[in-house]
Amino acid sequence: MLAFPKKVRLSKPHTNGRISMMQRSFFVRSPFFLCLLIAMFYANIAPATSQTAPQRPFPQHLSYAANTIRPTNYTQAAQDQHVRDFYDTWKADYLVAAGTNSSNQPLYRITLGSSDPTATVSEGQGYGMVIVAHMAGHDPNAQTLFDGLWRFSREFPSGIDSRLMSWKIQNGAVVSGNDSAFDGDVDIAYGLLLADAQWGSSGEIDYAAEAEMVITAVLESTIGPSSRLPMLGDWVPPNGNPYNQYTPRSSDFMPAHFRAFGRATHDATWNTVIANSQAVIDTIQANNSPVTGLLPDFIINCQPISNCSPPSGQFLESSHDKNYYYNAGRDPWRIGLDGLLNGDAGAKTAVNKMITWVASNTSGNAANIKAGYQLNGTRIGNYFTTFFVAPMGVGAMLDSTKQSFLNSIYASVYNRHEGYYEDSVNLLSLLAMTGNFWDPTAPEPLTGCVQPDEVVLQTAVQTINLTWNAIAGASGYEVWWANNDYYFSPGANCSSGSCLAATAPTVSHQNINYTPANNVVYTIFAGDCAASTVNHWAVFSFQLLPGS
């Protein structure tokens, strides 16, 4: 019989131990004290060796999708410092040395904190890798720490698919079944993509190759072969009972990650995973939470998707599996990232339903957000925790009418520390709210890739030939132009412009309608033009003057 993974949830604040004055005096006067200090230093501070300068050092100050907002009650400089301070505390509390591997390379892990310091779960390891890669530039040892986190995950592979990490490690050994948990491996893969973008893959670890390995394993072993929905882990039989490919967990809907995987691997299967995940979200919101938009921790009976429903009681973890509880609380952040980073309309619509309800239910005061809800909006826990509040902040960024609510959320979480689970989700949400969470696969804006001498103009009576460097990952380009119309709006599809396949090393376009007496205004979109709905990644706009 398979051992089903159970996620540990901690809610108690982190507390530090105390030693008496007599004990302190003994240690200070003893030669052992100096040795202890040295050991503690090397156990917890990564040596600054083999560090590569980060390509995207913290802070990044991204501009997210159109019509999104950011907190305005603190300056950008203050927000950046909030993240630095929170990271430093998080790192001190949860990122610990874990010895060395057989090659004498340092290992690091994310501990569950003071309540269970010897335990590590793949979920936490994934959080750690994503966080540390983002904080390179602030943390001078980020690459060493990241490499140690990745190597630790490789020390404990799943016994089912060894490309994935075993879901829980206790006292240096696998416990509770040697199998995987979906979200941990997805974050680990995303962290590796971040590392490739941050440090390149020509060093000791080929981050790009390792990311591709994990992404492939996630797809082959934890995405339903027919449902194309996330499964709970590699331990789930696709057609098993009660756990199968039609019983996803809502917090495993991570469309921004899936979109990045598709771009990184050029595998269109991820588009189907995104579409099917969105269809499940839409079904639950329409049938089970039409007022609140909240999603349950677990979902069952998704064959077909129109039959999806919450479980009636305990399904995997507790009697709250049917409610918006300590799994689903991550949903506004997980789903909302796709709206922020990719401008996805489905993600924005789904998250806005949750935010509209919770803002109304709490009178716009984040302090009134409580720990869990039934899908009809009835409170479960009558207490405040950043776990349920910080992800709502990411969601609120998608609605320009929620500025005051977003500010209230940010003020309530940026300096509040609770436990491993809450603090990790809070920090990841803070990275997004401050404009510092980024997609490692999103191409640089075309204006940064195309230099003037790379645009070749050959004017001959009524012809303009343009060439530019191809962008890695783009399946196509849309080229739009207008004569003497400096404010024209490109269309929503390729019906009036010109669609081009992506070819390397250059892409070209010929405009045979050019009249030399006219100014020609161009807009070129790069993106996934092979998708049913064109996904624009970047835009390059410029104007050609007569005689140029």
Protein backbone atom coordinates (compact mmCIF):
# COMPACT_ATOMS: atom_id res chain seq x y z
CA MET A 1 0.00 0.00 0.00
CA LEU A 2 1.34 3.44 -0.88
CA ALA A 3 2.16 5.91 1.87
CA PHE A 4 0.36 9.11 1.07
CA PRO A 5 2.29 12.36 1.71
CA LYS A 6 1.00 14.55 4.49
CA LYS A 7 2.16 18.16 4.60
CA VAL A 8 3.15 19.55 8.00
CA ARG A 9 1.61 22.93 8.81
CA LEU A 10 3.18 25.10 11.49
CA SER A 11 1.43 28.11 12.95
CA LYS A 12 3.39 28.93 16.10
CA PRO A 13 5.74 31.93 15.95
CA HIS A 14 9.45 31.22 15.94
CA THR A 15 11.03 31.55 19.40
CA ASN A 16 14.68 31.52 20.37
CA GLY A 17 16.05 29.51 23.27
CA ARG A 18 17.73 31.20 26.28
CA ILE A 19 20.75 30.17 28.39
CA SER A 20 21.32 31.20 31.99
CA MET A 21 24.01 33.67 33.15
CA MET A 22 25.95 30.79 34.76
CA GLN A 23 25.84 28.78 31.53
CA ARG A 24 26.90 31.85 29.54
CA SER A 25 29.82 32.47 31.90
CA PHE A 26 31.01 28.87 31.51
CA PHE A 27 30.93 29.04 27.74
CA VAL A 28 32.67 32.41 27.55
CA ARG A 29 35.51 31.32 29.83
CA SER A 30 35.93 27.90 28.23
CA PRO A 31 38.24 27.27 25.22
CA PHE A 32 35.32 25.26 23.91
CA PHE A 33 33.40 28.51 23.40
CA LEU A 34 35.77 29.72 20.69
CA CYS A 35 35.59 26.38 18.91
CA LEU A 36 31.81 26.46 19.18
CA LEU A 37 31.62 29.93 17.67
CA ILE A 38 33.85 28.89 14.79
CA ALA A 39 31.78 25.75 14.18
CA MET A 40 28.54 27.74 14.28
CA PHE A 41 29.96 30.28 11.85
CA TYR A 42 30.95 27.68 9.26
CA ALA A 43 27.77 25.68 9.81
CA ASN A 44 25.47 28.60 9.06
CA ILE A 45 27.38 30.99 6.81
CA ALA A 46 28.19 29.81 3.33
CA PRO A 47 31.77 30.47 2.22
CA ALA A 48 31.95 32.94 -0.63
CA THR A 49 33.59 30.59 -3.10
CA SER A 50 32.89 29.90 -6.76
CA GLN A 51 30.45 32.79 -6.87
CA THR A 52 29.36 34.13 -10.25
CA ALA A 53 28.17 37.70 -10.52
CA PRO A 54 24.36 37.67 -10.74
CA GLN A 55 22.83 38.84 -14.00
CA ARG A 56 19.63 39.99 -12.29
CA PRO A 57 20.63 41.14 -8.82
CA PHE A 58 18.07 42.14 -6.23
CA PRO A 59 16.21 44.50 -6.49
CA GLN A 60 14.68 44.22 -9.96
CA HIS A 61 11.68 46.64 -9.91
CA LEU A 62 9.68 44.94 -12.63
CA SER A 63 6.81 46.52 -14.49
CA TYR A 64 4.05 43.95 -14.36
CA ALA A 65 1.13 43.54 -16.76
CA ALA A 66 -1.00 46.51 -17.76
CA ASN A 67 -3.59 47.77 -15.25
CA THR A 68 -1.90 46.09 -12.28
CA ILE A 69 -0.96 48.00 -9.14
CA ARG A 70 1.70 47.99 -6.44
CA PRO A 71 1.63 49.07 -2.77
CA THR A 72 1.87 52.85 -2.47
CA ASN A 73 2.03 53.30 1.31
CA TYR A 74 5.81 52.79 1.33
CA THR A 75 8.47 54.00 -1.10
CA GLN A 76 10.19 51.57 -3.42
CA ALA A 77 13.39 51.92 -1.41
CA ALA A 78 11.52 51.09 1.80
CA GLN A 79 9.84 48.07 0.20
CA ASP A 80 13.19 46.77 -1.02
CA GLN A 81 14.58 47.09 2.49
CA HIS A 82 11.55 45.28 3.90
CA VAL A 83 12.34 42.33 1.64
CA ARG A 84 16.03 42.37 2.58
CA ASP A 85 15.20 42.42 6.28
CA PHE A 86 12.57 39.70 5.97
CA TYR A 87 14.95 37.53 3.95
CA ASP A 88 17.74 37.92 6.50
CA THR A 89 15.44 36.76 9.29
CA TRP A 90 13.98 33.95 7.19
CA LYS A 91 17.46 32.76 6.27
CA ALA A 92 18.63 32.79 9.90
CA ASP A 93 15.56 30.86 11.04
CA TYR A 94 15.14 28.25 8.32
CA LEU A 95 18.17 27.88 6.03
CA VAL A 96 20.65 25.53 7.72
CA ALA A 97 23.78 23.63 6.82
CA ALA A 98 23.31 19.90 6.23
CA GLY A 99 26.85 18.56 6.01
CA THR A 100 28.47 17.62 2.72
CA ASN A 101 27.88 15.13 -0.06
CA SER A 102 30.25 12.38 -1.19
CA SER A 103 32.22 14.96 -3.18
CA ASN A 104 32.69 17.06 -0.03
CA GLN A 105 30.43 19.79 -1.40
CA PRO A 106 28.30 21.69 1.15
CA LEU A 107 24.63 20.86 1.48
CA TYR A 108 21.88 23.15 2.74
CA ARG A 109 18.25 22.53 3.59
CA ILE A 110 15.16 24.44 4.66
CA THR A 111 14.15 23.37 8.15
CA LEU A 112 10.56 23.40 9.36
CA GLY A 113 11.66 25.67 12.17
CA SER A 114 11.74 25.45 15.94
CA SER A 115 8.79 23.05 16.17
CA ASP A 116 10.47 20.42 13.99
CA PRO A 117 14.07 21.49 13.31
CA THR A 118 15.29 18.15 11.99
CA ALA A 119 12.65 17.95 9.25
CA THR A 120 12.74 19.20 5.67
CA VAL A 121 10.07 18.83 2.99
CA SER A 122 10.50 19.20 -0.76
CA GLU A 123 7.99 22.06 -0.65
CA GLY A 124 10.36 24.02 1.59
CA GLN A 125 13.39 23.10 -0.50
CA GLY A 126 11.59 24.50 -3.55
CA TYR A 127 10.63 27.67 -1.69
CA GLY A 128 14.24 28.07 -0.62
CA MET A 129 15.67 27.68 -4.11
CA VAL A 130 13.23 30.23 -5.58
CA ILE A 131 13.85 32.71 -2.76
CA VAL A 132 17.65 32.46 -2.71
CA ALA A 133 17.93 32.82 -6.49
CA HIS A 134 15.86 36.01 -6.30
CA MET A 135 17.99 37.43 -3.49
CA ALA A 136 21.33 37.13 -5.31
CA GLY A 137 22.93 40.54 -5.23
CA HIS A 138 21.74 41.16 -1.70
CA ASP A 139 23.11 37.86 -0.40
CA PRO A 140 26.74 37.55 -1.57
CA ASN A 141 26.63 33.79 -0.90
CA ALA A 142 23.40 33.14 -2.76
CA GLN A 143 24.90 30.85 -5.40
CA THR A 144 26.70 28.69 -2.83
CA LEU A 145 23.50 28.39 -0.82
CA PHE A 146 21.43 27.63 -3.89
CA ASP A 147 23.83 24.94 -5.06
CA GLY A 148 23.74 23.36 -1.60
CA LEU A 149 19.95 23.37 -1.58
CA TRP A 150 19.86 21.69 -5.00
CA ARG A 151 22.47 19.11 -4.03
CA PHE A 152 20.55 18.28 -0.85
CA SER A 153 17.47 17.55 -2.94
CA ARG A 154 19.58 15.17 -5.06
CA GLU A 155 20.75 13.33 -1.95
CA PHE A 156 17.14 12.27 -1.31
CA PRO A 157 15.48 11.34 -4.61
CA SER A 158 12.01 9.86 -4.79
CA GLY A 159 12.00 6.08 -4.85
CA ILE A 160 9.44 6.16 -7.67
CA ASP A 161 10.94 8.74 -10.04
CA SER A 162 14.52 9.47 -8.99
CA ARG A 163 14.52 12.72 -10.97
CA LEU A 164 12.16 14.12 -8.33
CA MET A 165 12.79 14.76 -4.63
CA SER A 166 11.43 12.62 -1.82
CA TRP A 167 8.75 14.66 -0.11
CA LYS A 168 10.04 14.55 3.50
CA ILE A 169 13.42 14.09 5.19
CA GLN A 170 13.77 13.68 8.97
CA ASN A 171 17.12 13.45 10.75
CA GLY A 172 18.87 12.86 7.44
CA ALA A 173 16.62 10.00 6.34
CA VAL A 174 13.51 9.60 4.19
CA VAL A 175 10.31 9.12 6.17
CA SER A 176 6.61 8.49 5.48
CA GLY A 177 7.06 6.94 2.07
CA ASN A 178 9.83 7.58 -0.41
CA ASP A 179 7.80 9.48 -3.00
CA SER A 180 7.29 13.02 -4.31
CA ALA A 181 4.97 15.96 -3.72
CA PHE A 182 4.00 17.94 -6.81
CA ASP A 183 4.52 21.52 -5.64
CA GLY A 184 8.00 20.92 -4.25
CA ASP A 185 9.39 19.67 -7.53
CA VAL A 186 7.67 22.40 -9.54
CA ASP A 187 9.32 25.09 -7.40
CA ILE A 188 12.66 23.25 -7.55
CA ALA A 189 12.46 23.27 -11.36
CA TYR A 190 11.51 26.96 -11.39
CA GLY A 191 14.42 27.69 -9.06
CA LEU A 192 16.81 25.98 -11.48
CA LEU A 193 15.48 28.13 -14.33
CA LEU A 194 16.08 31.19 -12.16
CA ALA A 195 19.62 30.00 -11.46
CA ASP A 196 20.33 29.56 -15.16
CA ALA A 197 19.15 33.12 -15.83
CA GLN A 198 21.00 34.43 -12.78
CA TRP A 199 24.39 32.72 -13.05
CA GLY A 200 24.46 30.85 -16.35
CA SER A 201 24.94 27.11 -16.73
CA SER A 202 28.63 26.83 -17.57
CA GLY A 203 29.79 26.35 -13.97
CA GLU A 204 29.83 23.33 -11.68
CA ILE A 205 26.08 22.81 -12.10
CA ASP A 206 24.38 22.93 -15.48
CA TYR A 207 21.24 24.57 -14.16
CA ALA A 208 19.49 24.55 -17.54
CA ALA A 209 20.04 20.82 -18.04
CA GLU A 210 18.96 20.01 -14.50
CA ALA A 211 15.85 22.17 -14.89
CA GLU A 212 14.93 20.32 -18.07
CA MET A 213 15.41 17.00 -16.27
CA VAL A 214 13.08 17.96 -13.41
CA ILE A 215 10.49 19.57 -15.72
CA THR A 216 10.42 16.43 -17.86
CA ALA A 217 9.98 14.28 -14.75
CA VAL A 218 7.18 16.49 -13.45
CA LEU A 219 5.39 16.15 -16.78
CA GLU A 220 5.94 12.41 -17.15
CA SER A 221 5.29 11.35 -13.55
CA THR A 222 3.02 13.96 -11.95
CA ILE A 223 0.82 15.37 -14.72
CA GLY A 224 -2.19 13.23 -15.60
CA PRO A 225 -1.56 11.49 -18.93
CA SER A 226 -5.19 11.97 -19.97
CA SER A 227 -6.46 14.72 -17.65
CA ARG A 228 -3.39 16.92 -18.12
CA LEU A 229 -3.98 18.10 -14.56
CA PRO A 230 -1.45 18.14 -11.70
CA MET A 231 -1.42 14.96 -9.66
CA LEU A 232 -0.51 15.02 -5.97
CA GLY A 233 2.83 13.32 -6.59
CA ASP A 234 4.52 10.47 -8.38
CA TRP A 235 2.83 8.06 -5.95
CA VAL A 236 -0.61 8.65 -7.49
CA PRO A 237 -1.81 5.94 -9.93
CA PRO A 238 -3.33 7.82 -12.90
CA ASN A 239 -6.49 5.71 -12.65
CA GLY A 240 -6.35 4.80 -8.99
CA ASN A 241 -8.99 5.12 -6.29
CA PRO A 242 -9.50 7.48 -4.50
CA TYR A 243 -6.38 9.36 -5.66
CA ASN A 244 -5.87 9.69 -9.38
CA GLN A 245 -5.24 12.09 -12.24
CA TYR A 246 -8.68 13.63 -11.74
CA THR A 247 -8.14 14.67 -8.09
CA PRO A 248 -5.92 17.78 -8.13
CA ARG A 249 -5.02 20.11 -5.29
CA SER A 250 -5.97 23.71 -6.08
CA SER A 251 -2.66 25.15 -4.84
CA ASP A 252 -0.91 23.00 -7.45
CA PHE A 253 -2.45 25.16 -10.17
CA MET A 254 0.70 27.19 -10.83
CA PRO A 255 0.12 28.57 -14.34
CA ALA A 256 3.01 31.06 -14.30
CA HIS A 257 5.40 28.20 -13.57
CA PHE A 258 3.76 26.01 -16.21
CA ARG A 259 4.05 28.79 -18.79
CA ALA A 260 7.74 29.17 -17.96
CA PHE A 261 8.23 25.40 -18.37
CA GLY A 262 6.60 25.53 -21.78
CA ARG A 263 8.87 28.35 -22.90
CA ALA A 264 11.97 26.67 -21.50
CA THR A 265 11.30 23.28 -23.11
CA HIS A 266 9.25 24.37 -26.16
CA ASP A 267 6.68 21.76 -25.14
CA ALA A 268 3.11 22.83 -25.98
CA THR A 269 1.75 20.24 -23.52
CA TRP A 270 2.10 22.85 -20.81
CA ASN A 271 -0.45 25.03 -22.62
CA THR A 272 -2.95 22.19 -22.19
CA VAL A 273 -2.06 21.88 -18.49
CA ILE A 274 -2.73 25.60 -18.07
CA ALA A 275 -6.00 25.46 -20.01
CA ASN A 276 -7.29 22.44 -18.09
CA SER A 277 -6.28 23.91 -14.74
CA GLN A 278 -8.15 27.10 -15.61
CA ALA A 279 -11.20 25.06 -16.63
CA VAL A 280 -11.24 23.36 -13.21
CA ILE A 281 -10.99 26.74 -11.48
CA ASP A 282 -13.86 28.11 -13.57
CA THR A 283 -16.01 25.05 -12.81
CA ILE A 284 -15.53 25.25 -9.05
CA GLN A 285 -16.14 28.99 -8.95
CA ALA A 286 -19.31 28.68 -11.02
CA ASN A 287 -20.78 25.67 -9.24
CA ASN A 288 -19.45 25.77 -5.67
CA SER A 289 -18.33 29.31 -4.83
CA PRO A 290 -20.26 31.70 -7.07
CA VAL A 291 -20.23 34.41 -4.38
CA THR A 292 -16.72 34.07 -2.91
CA GLY A 293 -14.71 32.61 -5.78
CA LEU A 294 -12.77 30.58 -3.18
CA LEU A 295 -11.32 27.20 -4.09
CA PRO A 296 -11.11 24.12 -1.84
CA ASP A 297 -7.84 22.55 -0.76
CA PHE A 298 -8.61 19.45 -2.85
CA ILE A 299 -10.84 18.77 -5.83
CA ILE A 300 -12.29 15.43 -6.97
CA ASN A 301 -14.29 13.86 -9.79
CA CYS A 302 -12.73 15.90 -12.62
CA GLN A 303 -13.68 13.39 -15.29
CA PRO A 304 -14.99 15.30 -17.12
CA ILE A 305 -13.88 18.67 -15.79
CA SER A 306 -17.49 19.85 -15.69
CA ASN A 307 -18.03 17.32 -12.87
CA CYS A 308 -15.27 18.69 -10.62
CA SER A 309 -16.33 19.22 -7.01
CA PRO A 310 -14.88 19.59 -3.51
CA PRO A 311 -14.66 16.39 -1.44
CA SER A 312 -17.44 15.91 1.08
CA GLY A 313 -15.04 15.49 4.00
CA GLN A 314 -11.47 14.41 4.65
CA PHE A 315 -9.77 13.43 1.41
CA LEU A 316 -6.03 13.52 2.14
CA GLU A 317 -5.19 15.75 5.09
CA SER A 318 -8.16 16.77 7.24
CA SER A 319 -11.87 17.45 7.44
CA HIS A 320 -11.06 20.87 5.94
CA ASP A 321 -9.99 19.40 2.59
CA LYS A 322 -13.30 20.67 1.18
CA ASN A 323 -12.61 24.23 2.37
CA TYR A 324 -10.37 27.17 1.52
CA TYR A 325 -7.75 26.20 4.08
CA TYR A 326 -4.02 25.68 4.56
CA ASN A 327 -3.40 24.52 0.99
CA ALA A 328 -5.77 26.73 -0.98
CA GLY A 329 -4.69 29.82 0.93
CA ARG A 330 -1.82 30.02 -1.56
CA ASP A 331 -4.16 30.21 -4.57
CA PRO A 332 -4.36 34.01 -5.04
CA TRP A 333 -0.55 34.10 -5.16
CA ARG A 334 -0.01 30.98 -7.27
CA ILE A 335 -2.68 31.84 -9.82
CA GLY A 336 -2.23 35.60 -9.54
CA LEU A 337 1.40 35.42 -10.66
CA ASP A 338 0.20 34.45 -14.13
CA GLY A 339 -1.83 37.63 -14.29
CA LEU A 340 1.10 39.75 -13.11
CA LEU A 341 3.87 38.21 -15.18
CA ASN A 342 1.95 37.18 -18.30
CA GLY A 343 -1.17 39.32 -18.27
CA ASP A 344 -3.33 36.21 -18.47
CA ALA A 345 -7.00 37.20 -18.51
CA GLY A 346 -8.26 33.89 -17.08
CA ALA A 347 -5.98 34.12 -14.06
CA LYS A 348 -6.99 37.73 -13.48
CA THR A 349 -10.70 36.95 -13.66
CA ALA A 350 -10.43 33.98 -11.29
CA VAL A 351 -8.38 35.83 -8.68
CA ASN A 352 -10.46 39.00 -8.91
CA LYS A 353 -13.50 37.00 -7.82
CA MET A 354 -11.72 36.02 -4.60
CA ILE A 355 -10.34 39.51 -3.96
CA THR A 356 -13.64 41.27 -4.61
CA TRP A 357 -15.36 39.04 -2.07
CA VAL A 358 -12.69 39.19 0.64
CA ALA A 359 -12.31 42.97 0.33
CA SER A 360 -16.04 43.35 0.82
CA ASN A 361 -16.21 40.78 3.61
CA THR A 362 -13.43 42.51 5.57
CA SER A 363 -14.48 46.11 4.79
CA GLY A 364 -11.11 46.51 3.09
CA ASN A 365 -9.19 45.91 6.33
CA ALA A 366 -6.58 43.16 6.07
CA ALA A 367 -6.67 42.63 9.84
CA ASN A 368 -10.14 41.14 9.36
CA ILE A 369 -8.93 38.33 7.07
CA LYS A 370 -9.19 35.11 9.05
CA ALA A 371 -7.58 31.68 8.89
CA GLY A 372 -9.65 29.75 6.40
CA TYR A 373 -13.19 29.81 5.04
CA GLN A 374 -15.87 27.49 3.85
CA LEU A 375 -16.59 28.06 0.18
CA ASN A 376 -19.71 30.04 1.09
CA GLY A 377 -17.57 32.49 3.06
CA THR A 378 -18.16 31.21 6.61
CA ARG A 379 -15.04 31.65 8.74
CA ILE A 380 -13.15 28.66 10.05
CA GLY A 381 -10.33 30.05 12.21
CA ASN A 382 -10.97 33.27 14.12
CA TYR A 383 -7.39 34.52 14.04
CA PHE A 384 -5.03 36.44 11.76
CA THR A 385 -2.11 34.78 10.00
CA THR A 386 0.06 36.07 7.19
CA PHE A 387 -0.44 32.79 5.36
CA PHE A 388 -3.98 33.76 4.35
CA VAL A 389 -3.26 37.47 3.97
CA ALA A 390 -0.02 37.83 1.98
CA PRO A 391 -1.25 35.78 -1.03
CA MET A 392 -4.35 38.00 -1.13
CA GLY A 393 -1.95 40.92 -1.59
CA VAL A 394 -0.61 39.40 -4.79
CA GLY A 395 -4.18 38.89 -5.95
CA ALA A 396 -5.17 42.47 -5.11
CA MET A 397 -2.45 43.72 -7.45
CA LEU A 398 -4.58 42.57 -10.38
CA ASP A 399 -7.44 44.98 -9.61
CA SER A 400 -6.65 48.68 -9.94
CA THR A 401 -9.67 49.52 -7.75
CA LYS A 402 -8.17 47.69 -4.76
CA GLN A 403 -5.28 50.08 -3.99
CA SER A 404 -6.37 50.82 -0.43
CA PHE A 405 -6.96 47.13 0.29
CA LEU A 406 -3.55 46.21 -1.15
CA ASN A 407 -1.88 48.84 1.02
CA SER A 408 -3.66 47.46 4.08
CA ILE A 409 -2.48 43.93 3.26
CA TYR A 410 1.10 44.99 2.70
CA ALA A 411 1.28 46.95 5.95
CA SER A 412 -0.03 43.96 7.89
CA VAL A 413 2.48 41.40 6.62
CA TYR A 414 5.80 42.99 5.62
CA ASN A 415 7.33 42.77 9.10
CA ARG A 416 5.41 39.91 10.71
CA HIS A 417 7.14 36.58 11.35
CA GLU A 418 5.29 33.42 12.37
CA GLY A 419 6.67 30.04 11.25
CA TYR A 420 8.38 28.25 8.38
CA TYR A 421 5.27 27.80 6.23
CA GLU A 422 3.77 31.22 6.82
CA ASP A 423 7.07 33.08 6.51
CA SER A 424 8.09 31.32 3.29
CA VAL A 425 4.79 32.10 1.57
CA ASN A 426 4.88 35.62 2.96
CA LEU A 427 8.39 36.28 1.62
CA LEU A 428 7.51 34.95 -1.82
CA SER A 429 4.42 37.17 -1.83
CA LEU A 430 6.49 40.16 -0.72
CA LEU A 431 8.85 39.62 -3.65
CA ALA A 432 5.85 39.91 -5.96
CA MET A 433 4.21 42.83 -4.17
CA THR A 434 7.43 44.87 -4.27
CA GLY A 435 8.03 44.24 -7.99
CA ASN A 436 10.92 41.86 -7.44
CA PHE A 437 9.55 38.48 -8.53
CA TRP A 438 10.51 37.65 -12.11
CA ASP A 439 10.11 34.99 -14.79
CA PRO A 440 13.47 33.55 -15.89
CA THR A 441 12.10 32.55 -19.30
CA ALA A 442 10.49 35.84 -20.27
CA PRO A 443 12.54 37.36 -23.10
CA GLU A 444 14.13 40.71 -22.57
CA PRO A 445 12.10 43.52 -24.14
CA LEU A 446 12.89 43.81 -27.81
CA THR A 447 14.24 47.28 -27.25
CA GLY A 448 16.98 45.64 -25.20
CA CYS A 449 17.72 42.97 -27.79
CA VAL A 450 17.64 44.97 -30.99
CA GLN A 451 20.40 47.50 -31.52
CA PRO A 452 20.13 50.13 -34.28
CA ASP A 453 22.77 48.44 -36.40
CA GLU A 454 20.79 45.19 -36.24
CA VAL A 455 17.79 46.75 -37.99
CA VAL A 456 18.64 46.74 -41.69
CA LEU A 457 16.64 49.13 -43.86
CA GLN A 458 16.71 48.69 -47.61
CA THR A 459 14.44 51.24 -49.23
CA ALA A 460 13.74 50.85 -52.94
CA VAL A 461 10.76 52.83 -54.17
CA GLN A 462 8.02 50.98 -52.24
CA THR A 463 9.92 48.37 -50.21
CA ILE A 464 11.33 48.25 -46.68
CA ASN A 465 13.26 45.20 -45.54
CA LEU A 466 13.70 44.83 -41.77
CA THR A 467 15.85 42.22 -40.02
CA TRP A 468 16.41 41.71 -36.32
CA ASN A 469 17.90 39.18 -33.96
CA ALA A 470 15.57 36.32 -33.08
CA ILE A 471 14.50 35.93 -29.47
CA ALA A 472 15.06 32.48 -27.98
CA GLY A 473 11.80 30.66 -27.37
CA ALA A 474 9.55 32.83 -29.49
CA SER A 475 7.47 30.78 -31.90
CA GLY A 476 6.65 33.82 -33.99
CA TYR A 477 6.36 37.57 -34.38
CA GLU A 478 3.56 39.90 -35.32
CA VAL A 479 4.53 42.90 -37.40
CA TRP A 480 2.12 45.84 -37.55
CA TRP A 481 2.59 49.14 -39.34
CA ALA A 482 0.74 52.31 -40.22
CA ASN A 483 1.52 55.24 -42.51
CA ASN A 484 1.61 58.63 -40.81
CA ASP A 485 -0.33 57.39 -37.76
CA TYR A 486 1.85 57.83 -34.73
CA TYR A 487 -0.75 56.51 -32.27
CA PHE A 488 -2.14 53.54 -34.12
CA SER A 489 -3.21 50.47 -32.13
CA PRO A 490 -2.08 47.07 -33.38
CA GLY A 491 -4.86 44.53 -33.81
CA ALA A 492 -5.58 41.64 -31.48
CA ASN A 493 -4.55 39.02 -34.00
CA CYS A 494 -2.68 38.56 -37.25
CA SER A 495 -5.55 39.34 -39.61
CA SER A 496 -4.32 42.81 -40.53
CA GLY A 497 -0.64 42.54 -39.80
CA SER A 498 2.01 40.07 -40.81
CA CYS A 499 2.71 36.85 -38.88
CA LEU A 500 6.23 35.51 -39.11
CA ALA A 501 7.77 32.25 -37.98
CA ALA A 502 10.68 32.50 -35.59
CA THR A 503 13.94 31.67 -37.32
CA ALA A 504 17.49 32.08 -36.13
CA PRO A 505 19.73 33.96 -36.16
CA THR A 506 17.63 36.73 -37.70
CA VAL A 507 14.02 37.39 -38.58
CA SER A 508 13.03 39.60 -41.49
CA HIS A 509 9.98 41.41 -42.75
CA GLN A 510 9.34 43.10 -46.10
CA ASN A 511 6.86 45.93 -46.42
CA ILE A 512 5.99 46.37 -50.07
CA ASN A 513 3.37 49.00 -49.29
CA TYR A 514 5.85 51.62 -48.23
CA THR A 515 5.49 55.06 -49.82
CA PRO A 516 8.73 57.04 -49.50
CA ALA A 517 6.87 60.23 -48.66
CA ASN A 518 5.29 58.66 -45.56
CA ASN A 519 6.45 58.11 -42.02
CA VAL A 520 5.94 54.44 -41.16
CA VAL A 521 5.23 53.44 -37.56
CA TYR A 522 6.01 49.82 -36.67
CA THR A 523 5.07 47.65 -33.71
CA ILE A 524 6.57 44.17 -33.53
CA PHE A 525 5.35 41.63 -31.00
CA ALA A 526 7.43 38.61 -30.04
CA GLY A 527 5.72 35.68 -28.43
CA ASP A 528 3.87 32.41 -28.72
CA CYS A 529 2.07 32.97 -32.02
CA ALA A 530 1.44 29.23 -32.39
CA ALA A 531 -1.00 29.23 -29.48
CA SER A 532 -4.73 29.44 -30.03
CA THR A 533 -4.64 32.78 -28.23
CA VAL A 534 -1.53 34.75 -29.12
CA ASN A 535 0.63 35.39 -26.07
CA HIS A 536 2.69 38.55 -26.49
CA TRP A 537 5.98 38.48 -24.63
CA ALA A 538 7.58 41.74 -25.67
CA VAL A 539 7.07 44.72 -27.93
CA PHE A 540 9.38 46.86 -30.05
CA SER A 541 7.95 50.08 -31.45
CA PHE A 542 9.77 52.51 -33.72
CA GLN A 543 9.22 55.03 -36.49
CA LEU A 544 10.87 55.29 -39.90
CA LEU A 545 11.19 58.74 -41.39
CA PRO A 546 11.42 59.49 -45.11
CA GLY A 547 15.00 59.19 -46.28
CA SER A 548 16.17 57.27 -43.13
